[in-house]
Amino acid sequence: MVQVTRKDEKEANENIIRRFNRKVLQSGVLSEAKASMRFSKPISKTERRAKAIIRKERKADKMAKMRLGVR
């Protein structure tokens, strides 16, 4: 849905922007857009666990290298 904001005769530009931002936030359009950006396809439990194990191994390897002073 398009938000229409009209300027009154003696209204400052900052007030118009503030009013528009408030309407957009109240309508929920922005939150829906952000939610659709974060959507990811559901993956199986075993695949999720395998990825977590790989992440842990990489992090442990990185920390070990950091302790030794190697990049």
Protein backbone atom coordinates (compact mmCIF):
# COMPACT_ATOMS: atom_id res chain seq x y z
CA MET A 1 0.00 0.00 0.00
CA VAL A 2 1.33 3.43 -0.94
CA GLN A 3 1.50 6.02 1.83
CA VAL A 4 0.38 9.47 0.71
CA THR A 5 1.60 12.46 2.69
CA ARG A 6 0.58 15.94 1.65
CA LYS A 7 2.31 19.11 2.75
CA ASP A 8 0.36 21.74 4.64
CA GLU A 9 0.98 25.39 3.74
CA LYS A 10 3.33 26.32 6.58
CA GLU A 11 4.70 22.89 7.43
CA ALA A 12 8.46 22.26 7.54
CA ASN A 13 10.03 19.51 5.44
CA GLU A 14 11.31 17.73 8.56
CA ASN A 15 7.75 17.41 9.86
CA ILE A 16 6.59 15.89 6.58
CA ILE A 17 9.39 13.32 6.66
CA ARG A 18 8.67 12.50 10.30
CA ARG A 19 4.96 12.06 9.57
CA PHE A 20 5.68 9.86 6.54
CA ASN A 21 8.11 7.68 8.51
CA ARG A 22 5.55 7.24 11.28
CA LYS A 23 2.86 6.16 8.76
CA VAL A 24 5.22 3.66 7.15
CA LEU A 25 6.17 2.16 10.52
CA GLN A 26 2.56 1.91 11.64
CA SER A 27 1.46 0.25 8.40
CA GLY A 28 3.99 -2.58 8.85
CA VAL A 29 5.24 -2.51 5.26
CA LEU A 30 8.86 -2.15 6.31
CA SER A 31 8.75 -5.06 8.78
CA GLU A 32 7.19 -7.33 6.13
CA ALA A 33 9.93 -6.42 3.65
CA LYS A 34 12.67 -7.11 6.19
CA ALA A 35 11.08 -10.43 7.16
CA SER A 36 10.99 -11.56 3.53
CA MET A 37 14.66 -10.64 3.13
CA ARG A 38 15.64 -12.91 6.04
CA PHE A 39 13.58 -15.87 4.86
CA SER A 40 15.56 -19.02 4.21
CA LYS A 41 14.38 -22.39 3.06
CA PRO A 42 13.91 -24.92 5.85
CA ILE A 43 16.73 -27.46 6.06
CA SER A 44 16.82 -30.86 7.70
CA LYS A 45 18.00 -31.37 11.26
CA THR A 46 20.99 -33.47 10.20
CA GLU A 47 22.12 -30.85 7.69
CA ARG A 48 21.82 -28.11 10.32
CA ARG A 49 23.89 -30.18 12.77
CA ALA A 50 26.56 -30.87 10.15
CA LYS A 51 26.87 -27.15 9.40
CA ALA A 52 27.13 -26.38 13.12
CA ILE A 53 29.93 -28.91 13.52
CA ILE A 54 31.83 -27.36 10.60
CA ARG A 55 31.40 -23.87 12.11
CA LYS A 56 32.70 -25.07 15.49
CA GLU A 57 35.74 -26.69 13.89
CA ARG A 58 36.57 -23.57 11.89
CA LYS A 59 36.20 -21.36 14.95
CA ALA A 60 38.41 -23.66 17.05
CA ASP A 61 41.03 -23.70 14.29
CA LYS A 62 40.93 -19.90 14.03
CA MET A 63 41.29 -19.48 17.82
CA ALA A 64 44.22 -21.94 17.90
CA LYS A 65 46.00 -20.00 15.15
CA MET A 66 45.31 -16.75 16.96
CA ARG A 67 46.88 -18.12 20.17
CA LEU A 68 49.99 -19.16 18.25
CA GLY A 69 50.21 -15.77 16.55
CA VAL A 70 49.77 -17.22 13.08
CA ARG A 71 47.37 -15.67 10.64
